C-alpha atoms as a PDB file:
ATOM      1  CA  MET A   1      48.951  34.749  38.326  1.00  0.00           C
ATOM      2  CA  ASN A   2      45.499  34.114  36.830  1.00  0.00           C
ATOM      3  CA  TYR A   3      45.833  36.522  33.950  1.00  0.00           C
ATOM      4  CA  ARG A   4      43.409  37.710  31.292  1.00  0.00           C
ATOM      5  CA  HIS A   5      44.446  41.226  30.538  1.00  0.00           C
ATOM      6  CA  ILE A   6      40.961  42.721  30.308  1.00  0.00           C
ATOM      7  CA  TYR A   7      40.834  42.478  34.115  1.00  0.00           C
ATOM      8  CA  HIS A   8      44.056  44.480  34.423  1.00  0.00           C
ATOM      9  CA  ALA A   9      44.033  46.835  31.415  1.00  0.00           C
ATOM     10  CA  GLY A  10      45.128  50.341  32.319  1.00  0.00           C
ATOM     11  CA  ASN A  11      46.437  49.395  35.750  1.00  0.00           C
ATOM     12  CA  PHE A  12      49.648  50.808  37.230  1.00  0.00           C
ATOM     13  CA  ALA A  13      51.746  48.104  35.558  1.00  0.00           C
ATOM     14  CA  ASP A  14      50.336  49.022  32.145  1.00  0.00           C
ATOM     15  CA  VAL A  15      51.041  52.684  32.824  1.00  0.00           C
ATOM     16  CA  LEU A  16      54.715  52.017  33.559  1.00  0.00           C
ATOM     17  CA  LYS A  17      55.109  49.682  30.579  1.00  0.00           C
ATOM     18  CA  HIS A  18      53.353  51.942  28.099  1.00  0.00           C
ATOM     19  CA  ALA A  19      54.980  55.162  29.302  1.00  0.00           C
ATOM     20  CA  VAL A  20      58.393  53.585  28.685  1.00  0.00           C
ATOM     21  CA  LEU A  21      57.323  51.938  25.416  1.00  0.00           C
ATOM     22  CA  SER A  22      56.195  55.312  24.070  1.00  0.00           C
ATOM     23  CA  ARG A  23      59.635  56.761  24.848  1.00  0.00           C
ATOM     24  CA  LEU A  24      61.316  53.877  22.995  1.00  0.00           C
ATOM     25  CA  VAL A  25      59.142  54.490  19.926  1.00  0.00           C
ATOM     26  CA  VAL A  26      59.865  58.234  20.003  1.00  0.00           C
ATOM     27  CA  TYR A  27      63.589  57.561  20.221  1.00  0.00           C
ATOM     28  CA  MET A  28      63.505  55.130  17.284  1.00  0.00           C
ATOM     29  CA  GLN A  29      61.828  57.826  15.221  1.00  0.00           C
ATOM     30  CA  LYS A  30      64.727  60.224  15.612  1.00  0.00           C
ATOM     31  CA  LYS A  31      66.126  58.534  12.513  1.00  0.00           C
ATOM     32  CA  ASP A  32      64.168  58.525   9.246  1.00  0.00           C
ATOM     33  CA  LYS A  33      64.876  54.840   8.652  1.00  0.00           C
ATOM     34  CA  ALA A  34      62.011  52.438   9.369  1.00  0.00           C
ATOM     35  CA  PHE A  35      61.954  50.140  12.364  1.00  0.00           C
ATOM     36  CA  ARG A  36      59.849  47.161  13.377  1.00  0.00           C
ATOM     37  CA  MET A  37      58.299  46.409  16.746  1.00  0.00           C
ATOM     38  CA  LEU A  38      57.850  42.759  17.697  1.00  0.00           C
ATOM     39  CA  ASP A  39      55.180  42.262  20.389  1.00  0.00           C
ATOM     40  CA  THR A  40      55.478  38.672  21.597  1.00  0.00           C
ATOM     41  CA  HIS A  41      52.371  38.498  23.809  1.00  0.00           C
ATOM     42  CA  ALA A  42      50.117  41.034  22.137  1.00  0.00           C
ATOM     43  CA  GLY A  43      46.668  40.341  23.645  1.00  0.00           C
ATOM     44  CA  ILE A  44      43.580  41.770  21.952  1.00  0.00           C
ATOM     45  CA  GLY A  45      45.052  45.221  21.341  1.00  0.00           C
ATOM     46  CA  LEU A  46      42.210  47.416  22.599  1.00  0.00           C
ATOM     47  CA  TYR A  47      40.331  47.121  25.896  1.00  0.00           C
ATOM     48  CA  ASP A  48      36.846  48.267  26.851  1.00  0.00           C
ATOM     49  CA  LEU A  49      37.080  49.751  30.338  1.00  0.00           C
ATOM     50  CA  SER A  50      33.295  49.737  30.611  1.00  0.00           C
ATOM     51  CA  SER A  51      33.182  45.955  30.167  1.00  0.00           C
ATOM     52  CA  GLU A  52      32.032  43.695  32.975  1.00  0.00           C
ATOM     53  CA  GLU A  53      35.533  42.297  33.419  1.00  0.00           C
ATOM     54  CA  ALA A  54      37.263  45.689  33.673  1.00  0.00           C
ATOM     55  CA  GLN A  55      34.552  47.040  35.950  1.00  0.00           C
ATOM     56  CA  LYS A  56      34.828  43.982  38.206  1.00  0.00           C
ATOM     57  CA  THR A  57      38.391  44.791  39.260  1.00  0.00           C
ATOM     58  CA  GLY A  58      38.430  48.511  38.493  1.00  0.00           C
ATOM     59  CA  GLU A  59      42.224  48.399  38.394  1.00  0.00           C
ATOM     60  CA  TRP A  60      42.350  51.062  35.686  1.00  0.00           C
ATOM     61  CA  ARG A  61      40.860  53.606  38.085  1.00  0.00           C
ATOM     62  CA  GLU A  62      43.974  53.441  40.282  1.00  0.00           C
ATOM     63  CA  GLY A  63      46.247  53.343  37.234  1.00  0.00           C
ATOM     64  CA  ILE A  64      45.552  55.350  34.097  1.00  0.00           C
ATOM     65  CA  GLY A  65      42.517  56.943  35.765  1.00  0.00           C
ATOM     66  CA  ARG A  66      44.688  58.538  38.432  1.00  0.00           C
ATOM     67  CA  LEU A  67      47.410  59.572  36.008  1.00  0.00           C
ATOM     68  CA  MET A  68      44.956  61.260  33.636  1.00  0.00           C
ATOM     69  CA  ALA A  69      43.487  63.216  36.539  1.00  0.00           C
ATOM     70  CA  ALA A  70      46.854  64.268  37.979  1.00  0.00           C
ATOM     71  CA  GLU A  71      48.435  67.679  37.525  1.00  0.00           C
ATOM     72  CA  LEU A  72      51.794  66.776  36.019  1.00  0.00           C
ATOM     73  CA  PRO A  73      55.011  68.801  36.305  1.00  0.00           C
ATOM     74  CA  PRO A  74      55.999  70.266  32.916  1.00  0.00           C
ATOM     75  CA  LYS A  75      59.012  67.994  32.247  1.00  0.00           C
ATOM     76  CA  ALA A  76      57.086  64.835  33.066  1.00  0.00           C
ATOM     77  CA  ALA A  77      54.060  66.047  31.104  1.00  0.00           C
ATOM     78  CA  ASP A  78      56.256  66.568  28.048  1.00  0.00           C
ATOM     79  CA  LEU A  79      57.768  63.059  28.270  1.00  0.00           C
ATOM     80  CA  LEU A  80      54.346  61.477  28.808  1.00  0.00           C
ATOM     81  CA  THR A  81      52.644  63.408  25.995  1.00  0.00           C
ATOM     82  CA  PRO A  82      52.944  60.692  23.291  1.00  0.00           C
ATOM     83  CA  TYR A  83      51.381  58.103  25.609  1.00  0.00           C
ATOM     84  CA  LEU A  84      48.657  60.282  27.106  1.00  0.00           C
ATOM     85  CA  SER A  85      47.773  61.867  23.759  1.00  0.00           C
ATOM     86  CA  ALA A  86      47.000  58.401  22.401  1.00  0.00           C
ATOM     87  CA  ILE A  87      44.688  57.765  25.382  1.00  0.00           C
ATOM     88  CA  ARG A  88      42.911  61.073  24.768  1.00  0.00           C
ATOM     89  CA  GLU A  89      42.552  60.314  21.062  1.00  0.00           C
ATOM     90  CA  LEU A  90      40.712  57.110  21.927  1.00  0.00           C
ATOM     91  CA  ASN A  91      38.601  58.896  24.537  1.00  0.00           C
ATOM     92  CA  PRO A  92      37.558  62.306  23.158  1.00  0.00           C
ATOM     93  CA  GLY A  93      34.796  62.674  25.739  1.00  0.00           C
ATOM     94  CA  PRO A  94      35.101  63.251  29.482  1.00  0.00           C
ATOM     95  CA  ASP A  95      35.091  59.533  30.410  1.00  0.00           C
ATOM     96  CA  LEU A  96      37.755  56.874  30.014  1.00  0.00           C
ATOM     97  CA  LYS A  97      36.170  54.032  28.044  1.00  0.00           C
ATOM     98  CA  LEU A  98      38.962  52.553  25.933  1.00  0.00           C
ATOM     99  CA  TYR A  99      42.542  51.636  26.731  1.00  0.00           C
ATOM    100  CA  PRO A 100      45.145  50.595  24.137  1.00  0.00           C
ATOM    101  CA  GLY A 101      47.248  47.512  24.611  1.00  0.00           C
ATOM    102  CA  SER A 102      50.864  47.654  23.523  1.00  0.00           C
ATOM    103  CA  PRO A 103      50.240  46.878  19.824  1.00  0.00           C
ATOM    104  CA  LYS A 104      47.521  49.499  19.475  1.00  0.00           C
ATOM    105  CA  LEU A 105      49.542  52.126  21.331  1.00  0.00           C
ATOM    106  CA  ALA A 106      52.617  51.527  19.211  1.00  0.00           C
ATOM    107  CA  ARG A 107      50.564  51.615  16.009  1.00  0.00           C
ATOM    108  CA  MET A 108      49.032  54.951  17.011  1.00  0.00           C
ATOM    109  CA  LEU A 109      52.532  56.385  17.402  1.00  0.00           C
ATOM    110  CA  PHE A 110      53.950  54.967  14.160  1.00  0.00           C
ATOM    111  CA  ARG A 111      55.065  56.869  11.087  1.00  0.00           C
ATOM    112  CA  PRO A 112      54.085  55.475   7.647  1.00  0.00           C
ATOM    113  CA  GLN A 113      57.382  53.552   7.352  1.00  0.00           C
ATOM    114  CA  ASP A 114      57.221  51.795  10.745  1.00  0.00           C
ATOM    115  CA  ARG A 115      55.971  48.219  11.111  1.00  0.00           C
ATOM    116  CA  LEU A 116      54.492  45.950  13.793  1.00  0.00           C
ATOM    117  CA  SER A 117      54.622  42.170  14.142  1.00  0.00           C
ATOM    118  CA  ALA A 118      52.124  41.101  16.824  1.00  0.00           C
ATOM    119  CA  MET A 119      52.085  37.541  18.194  1.00  0.00           C
ATOM    120  CA  GLU A 120      49.172  36.045  20.113  1.00  0.00           C
ATOM    121  CA  LEU A 121      48.645  32.364  20.905  1.00  0.00           C
ATOM    122  CA  HIS A 122      45.160  32.368  22.483  1.00  0.00           C
ATOM    123  CA  PRO A 123      42.725  31.685  19.580  1.00  0.00           C
ATOM    124  CA  ASP A 124      39.973  34.077  20.690  1.00  0.00           C
ATOM    125  CA  ASP A 125      42.440  36.861  21.451  1.00  0.00           C
ATOM    126  CA  TYR A 126      44.226  36.275  18.149  1.00  0.00           C
ATOM    127  CA  ASN A 127      40.929  36.602  16.274  1.00  0.00           C
ATOM    128  CA  ARG A 128      40.074  39.863  18.020  1.00  0.00           C
ATOM    129  CA  LEU A 129      43.559  41.255  17.405  1.00  0.00           C
ATOM    130  CA  SER A 130      43.357  40.275  13.733  1.00  0.00           C
ATOM    131  CA  ARG A 131      40.026  42.062  13.349  1.00  0.00           C
ATOM    132  CA  LEU A 132      41.431  45.161  15.039  1.00  0.00           C
ATOM    133  CA  PHE A 133      44.215  45.472  12.461  1.00  0.00           C
ATOM    134  CA  GLU A 134      42.398  44.028   9.458  1.00  0.00           C
ATOM    135  CA  GLY A 135      43.531  45.781   6.285  1.00  0.00           C
ATOM    136  CA  ASP A 136      46.388  47.613   8.012  1.00  0.00           C
ATOM    137  CA  TYR A 137      49.455  47.069   5.837  1.00  0.00           C
ATOM    138  CA  GLN A 138      51.782  48.232   8.632  1.00  0.00           C
ATOM    139  CA  VAL A 139      50.740  45.412  10.967  1.00  0.00           C
ATOM    140  CA  ARG A 140      51.164  41.652  10.718  1.00  0.00           C
ATOM    141  CA  VAL A 141      49.277  39.550  13.285  1.00  0.00           C
ATOM    142  CA  THR A 142      50.378  35.930  13.763  1.00  0.00           C
ATOM    143  CA  GLU A 143      48.865  33.136  15.856  1.00  0.00           C
ATOM    144  CA  LEU A 144      52.058  31.962  17.520  1.00  0.00           C
ATOM    145  CA  ASP A 145      53.638  31.302  20.896  1.00  0.00           C
ATOM    146  CA  GLY A 146      55.520  34.504  21.626  1.00  0.00           C
ATOM    147  CA  TRP A 147      58.552  32.645  22.942  1.00  0.00           C
ATOM    148  CA  LEU A 148      58.969  31.004  19.521  1.00  0.00           C
ATOM    149  CA  ALA A 149      58.778  34.412  17.853  1.00  0.00           C
ATOM    150  CA  LEU A 150      62.010  35.418  19.571  1.00  0.00           C
ATOM    151  CA  GLY A 151      63.770  32.959  17.290  1.00  0.00           C
ATOM    152  CA  ALA A 152      61.620  32.798  14.181  1.00  0.00           C
ATOM    153  CA  HIS A 153      61.029  36.527  13.683  1.00  0.00           C
ATOM    154  CA  LEU A 154      64.448  37.964  14.462  1.00  0.00           C
ATOM    155  CA  PRO A 155      66.289  39.794  13.133  1.00  0.00           C
ATOM    156  CA  PRO A 156      63.716  41.995  11.358  1.00  0.00           C
ATOM    157  CA  LYS A 157      64.438  42.913   7.772  1.00  0.00           C
ATOM    158  CA  GLU A 158      64.551  46.582   8.799  1.00  0.00           C
ATOM    159  CA  LYS A 159      67.579  45.778  11.025  1.00  0.00           C
ATOM    160  CA  ARG A 160      66.201  48.227  13.600  1.00  0.00           C
ATOM    161  CA  GLY A 161      63.622  47.303  16.156  1.00  0.00           C
ATOM    162  CA  ILE A 162      61.938  47.143  19.539  1.00  0.00           C
ATOM    163  CA  VAL A 163      61.140  43.729  20.998  1.00  0.00           C
ATOM    164  CA  LEU A 164      58.482  43.841  23.719  1.00  0.00           C
ATOM    165  CA  VAL A 165      58.222  40.683  25.836  1.00  0.00           C
ATOM    166  CA  ASP A 166      55.242  40.876  28.173  1.00  0.00           C
ATOM    167  CA  PRO A 167      54.297  37.312  29.191  1.00  0.00           C
ATOM    168  CA  PRO A 168      51.177  36.597  31.257  1.00  0.00           C
ATOM    169  CA  PHE A 169      53.049  34.885  34.122  1.00  0.00           C
ATOM    170  CA  GLU A 170      50.373  32.197  34.273  1.00  0.00           C
ATOM    171  CA  ALA A 171      52.821  29.328  34.684  1.00  0.00           C
ATOM    172  CA  GLU A 172      55.889  28.519  36.741  1.00  0.00           C
ATOM    173  CA  GLY A 173      59.236  29.459  35.278  1.00  0.00           C
ATOM    174  CA  GLU A 174      58.307  32.679  33.469  1.00  0.00           C
ATOM    175  CA  TYR A 175      61.263  34.581  34.966  1.00  0.00           C
ATOM    176  CA  GLU A 176      63.550  31.839  33.643  1.00  0.00           C
ATOM    177  CA  HIS A 177      61.782  31.990  30.263  1.00  0.00           C
ATOM    178  CA  LEU A 178      62.504  35.725  30.112  1.00  0.00           C
ATOM    179  CA  VAL A 179      66.201  35.094  30.646  1.00  0.00           C
ATOM    180  CA  SER A 180      66.486  32.242  28.151  1.00  0.00           C
ATOM    181  CA  GLY A 181      64.246  34.046  25.659  1.00  0.00           C
ATOM    182  CA  LEU A 182      66.405  37.149  25.813  1.00  0.00           C
ATOM    183  CA  ALA A 183      69.590  35.101  25.418  1.00  0.00           C
ATOM    184  CA  ASN A 184      68.175  33.421  22.296  1.00  0.00           C
ATOM    185  CA  ALA A 185      66.885  36.649  20.802  1.00  0.00           C
ATOM    186  CA  TYR A 186      70.035  38.648  21.540  1.00  0.00           C
ATOM    187  CA  ARG A 187      72.192  36.103  19.715  1.00  0.00           C
ATOM    188  CA  ARG A 188      70.080  36.644  16.597  1.00  0.00           C
ATOM    189  CA  PHE A 189      69.561  40.392  16.929  1.00  0.00           C
ATOM    190  CA  PRO A 190      72.177  41.983  19.218  1.00  0.00           C
ATOM    191  CA  GLY A 191      71.402  45.497  17.979  1.00  0.00           C
ATOM    192  CA  GLY A 192      67.736  45.432  18.986  1.00  0.00           C
ATOM    193  CA  THR A 193      66.164  47.302  21.866  1.00  0.00           C
ATOM    194  CA  TYR A 194      64.433  44.821  24.180  1.00  0.00           C
ATOM    195  CA  CYS A 195      61.816  45.660  26.783  1.00  0.00           C
ATOM    196  CA  LEU A 196      61.008  42.843  29.227  1.00  0.00           C
ATOM    197  CA  TRP A 197      58.119  43.198  31.681  1.00  0.00           C
ATOM    198  CA  TYR A 198      58.011  41.353  35.012  1.00  0.00           C
ATOM    199  CA  PRO A 199      55.769  41.417  38.094  1.00  0.00           C
ATOM    200  CA  LEU A 200      56.800  42.410  41.594  1.00  0.00           C
ATOM    201  CA  LYS A 201      54.977  40.548  44.337  1.00  0.00           C
ATOM    202  CA  LYS A 202      55.654  38.821  47.625  1.00  0.00           C
ATOM    203  CA  SER A 203      58.252  36.050  47.288  1.00  0.00           C
ATOM    204  CA  ALA A 204      58.971  36.822  43.606  1.00  0.00           C
ATOM    205  CA  PRO A 205      62.546  35.699  42.766  1.00  0.00           C
ATOM    206  CA  ILE A 206      63.681  39.142  41.661  1.00  0.00           C
ATOM    207  CA  LYS A 207      67.268  38.948  42.962  1.00  0.00           C
ATOM    208  CA  ALA A 208      67.881  35.621  41.205  1.00  0.00           C
ATOM    209  CA  PHE A 209      66.207  36.966  38.061  1.00  0.00           C
ATOM    210  CA  HIS A 210      68.461  40.012  37.971  1.00  0.00           C
ATOM    211  CA  GLN A 211      71.560  37.893  38.632  1.00  0.00           C
ATOM    212  CA  ALA A 212      70.630  35.547  35.782  1.00  0.00           C
ATOM    213  CA  LEU A 213      70.260  38.512  33.442  1.00  0.00           C
ATOM    214  CA  GLN A 214      73.615  39.909  34.516  1.00  0.00           C
ATOM    215  CA  ALA A 215      75.213  36.535  33.800  1.00  0.00           C
ATOM    216  CA  LEU A 216      74.202  36.838  30.126  1.00  0.00           C
ATOM    217  CA  ASP A 217      77.004  39.370  29.759  1.00  0.00           C
ATOM    218  CA  ILE A 218      74.917  41.694  27.593  1.00  0.00           C
ATOM    219  CA  PRO A 219      76.685  45.074  27.738  1.00  0.00           C
ATOM    220  CA  LYS A 220      73.789  47.435  28.506  1.00  0.00           C
ATOM    221  CA  MET A 221      70.732  46.581  30.583  1.00  0.00           C
ATOM    222  CA  LEU A 222      68.700  49.274  32.329  1.00  0.00           C
ATOM    223  CA  CYS A 223      66.009  48.468  34.874  1.00  0.00           C
ATOM    224  CA  ALA A 224      62.943  50.457  35.979  1.00  0.00           C
ATOM    225  CA  GLU A 225      60.739  49.402  38.890  1.00  0.00           C
ATOM    226  CA  LEU A 226      57.602  50.888  40.396  1.00  0.00           C
ATOM    227  CA  THR A 227      55.720  49.658  43.455  1.00  0.00           C
ATOM    228  CA  VAL A 228      52.448  51.229  44.529  1.00  0.00           C
ATOM    229  CA  CYS A 229      52.033  49.611  47.956  1.00  0.00           C
ATOM    230  CA  SER A 230      53.596  47.281  50.488  1.00  0.00           C
ATOM    231  CA  ASP A 231      53.631  43.595  49.587  1.00  0.00           C
ATOM    232  CA  ARG A 232      52.550  42.815  53.162  1.00  0.00           C
ATOM    233  CA  GLU A 233      48.940  43.742  52.467  1.00  0.00           C
ATOM    234  CA  THR A 234      48.412  41.854  49.213  1.00  0.00           C
ATOM    235  CA  GLU A 235      49.124  38.456  47.736  1.00  0.00           C
ATOM    236  CA  GLY A 236      48.834  39.916  44.247  1.00  0.00           C
ATOM    237  CA  LEU A 237      50.831  42.465  42.326  1.00  0.00           C
ATOM    238  CA  ASN A 238      52.225  45.340  44.339  1.00  0.00           C
ATOM    239  CA  GLY A 239      54.628  46.517  41.661  1.00  0.00           C
ATOM    240  CA  SER A 240      56.190  45.789  38.301  1.00  0.00           C
ATOM    241  CA  GLY A 241      59.480  46.191  36.526  1.00  0.00           C
ATOM    242  CA  LEU A 242      61.012  46.562  33.088  1.00  0.00           C
ATOM    243  CA  VAL A 243      64.410  45.505  31.841  1.00  0.00           C
ATOM    244  CA  ILE A 244      65.480  47.510  28.810  1.00  0.00           C
ATOM    245  CA  VAL A 245      68.366  46.109  26.777  1.00  0.00           C
ATOM    246  CA  ASN A 246      70.233  48.578  24.554  1.00  0.00           C
ATOM    247  CA  PRO A 247      68.217  51.494  25.955  1.00  0.00           C
ATOM    248  CA  PRO A 248      68.262  54.945  24.376  1.00  0.00           C
ATOM    249  CA  PHE A 249      71.025  56.994  25.957  1.00  0.00           C
ATOM    250  CA  THR A 250      68.386  59.465  27.149  1.00  0.00           C
ATOM    251  CA  LEU A 251      66.173  56.928  28.904  1.00  0.00           C
ATOM    252  CA  LYS A 252      67.825  56.813  32.333  1.00  0.00           C
ATOM    253  CA  GLU A 253      67.365  60.551  32.828  1.00  0.00           C
ATOM    254  CA  GLU A 254      63.826  60.362  31.468  1.00  0.00           C
ATOM    255  CA  LEU A 255      63.033  57.670  34.035  1.00  0.00           C
ATOM    256  CA  HIS A 256      64.376  59.923  36.780  1.00  0.00           C
ATOM    257  CA  VAL A 257      61.768  62.477  35.685  1.00  0.00           C
ATOM    258  CA  MET A 258      58.827  60.131  35.038  1.00  0.00           C
ATOM    259  CA  LEU A 259      59.051  57.524  37.792  1.00  0.00           C
ATOM    260  CA  PRO A 260      58.593  59.848  40.793  1.00  0.00           C
ATOM    261  CA  VAL A 261      55.554  61.392  39.092  1.00  0.00           C
ATOM    262  CA  LEU A 262      54.037  57.982  38.322  1.00  0.00           C
ATOM    263  CA  LYS A 263      54.637  56.889  41.897  1.00  0.00           C
ATOM    264  CA  GLU A 264      53.034  60.027  43.294  1.00  0.00           C
ATOM    265  CA  ALA A 265      49.995  59.670  41.043  1.00  0.00           C
ATOM    266  CA  MET A 266      49.342  55.984  41.693  1.00  0.00           C
ATOM    267  CA  ALA A 267      50.657  55.303  45.212  1.00  0.00           C
ATOM    268  CA  ARG A 268      48.260  53.384  47.454  1.00  0.00           C
ATOM    269  CA  ASP A 269      50.234  53.711  50.673  1.00  0.00           C
ATOM    270  CA  ARG A 270      53.396  55.252  52.077  1.00  0.00           C
ATOM    271  CA  PHE A 271      55.474  52.245  51.020  1.00  0.00           C
ATOM    272  CA  ALA A 272      55.186  53.050  47.301  1.00  0.00           C
ATOM    273  CA  SER A 273      58.618  53.308  45.692  1.00  0.00           C
ATOM    274  CA  GLN A 274      60.440  53.677  42.398  1.00  0.00           C
ATOM    275  CA  ARG A 275      63.926  53.228  41.075  1.00  0.00           C
ATOM    276  CA  ALA A 276      65.906  53.216  37.850  1.00  0.00           C
ATOM    277  CA  PHE A 277      69.277  51.486  37.789  1.00  0.00           C
ATOM    278  CA  TRP A 278      71.770  49.721  35.558  1.00  0.00           C
ATOM    279  CA  LEU A 279      71.963  45.937  35.724  1.00  0.00           C
ATOM    280  CA  ARG A 280      74.926  46.065  33.341  1.00  0.00           C
ATOM    281  CA  GLY A 281      76.802  48.891  31.690  1.00  0.00           C
ATOM    282  CA  GLU A 282      77.191  52.609  32.394  1.00  0.00           C
ATOM    283  CA  GLU A 283      77.257  52.539  36.180  1.00  0.00           C
ATOM    284  CA  VAL A 284      75.897  49.450  37.939  1.00  0.00           C
ATOM    285  CA  ASP A 285      73.979  50.977  40.850  1.00  0.00           C
ATOM    286  CA  GLN A 286      71.349  48.806  42.514  1.00  0.00           C
ATOM    287  CA  ASP A 287      69.999  51.614  44.676  1.00  0.00           C
ATOM    288  CA  SER A 288      69.743  54.489  42.200  1.00  0.00           C
ATOM    289  CA  SER A 289      66.723  56.771  42.478  1.00  0.00           C
ATOM    290  CA  GLU A 290      64.858  54.640  44.990  1.00  0.00           C
ATOM    291  CA  ASP A 291      62.524  56.153  47.562  1.00  0.00           C
END
């Protein structure tokens, strides 16, 4: 996947990832104690949807653009409020011009005691991310390979945290890196909540990926997947998934509310689908909530 995120900012995959991330942050804040979020592949943090790159693909129009225009059922609207309120705060006018990456979104949702460690390896992107958070004592930006951060930066001193792993999938073996990276991180910080993003596309090794995760013998792993169209009509992304390790006990039911609404808002054809299921723990049900 030839991936610079400005081309894809605000697309359906971002919507799924950021809707779930916002729920993880909200859940962490149910306790007064501080927590830290580690973002291993942070990007530039804030994306200009009016830029030439974003306009070239226009992916945000079929992602966050559709969701913002949709009439949401009350329960889903309530769950999506933290995420969508951040979008509206960045865009007070009638047009969508800015979209927050994961580090910016999380920072907008933070309390004074919460902290962010953002890793970015690409020099230009690191410089832009550093400027975005310059002077912000709640954020530390580091020029580092995100895979290395899973060892060097865990466990956090707060002993509570969210670890977001959102690699660009530019090279072969990224699914395997997710599995080995999680195994390494979990040994160091077994109490953390991990959120791993992965693409769904034709011939992607999803079954083998899930089996490799199950073989790690981590007690609780919840999975959420959303496809917006058939993979027969595109060689690119037709869906995306998240694996959440140590998920909030409320998250499965929240996904049952949010995923059908996200699918309805962003579906491109009748083959769009969604599902939430346990890879390990609770009840292992590979076909839960799929349609």
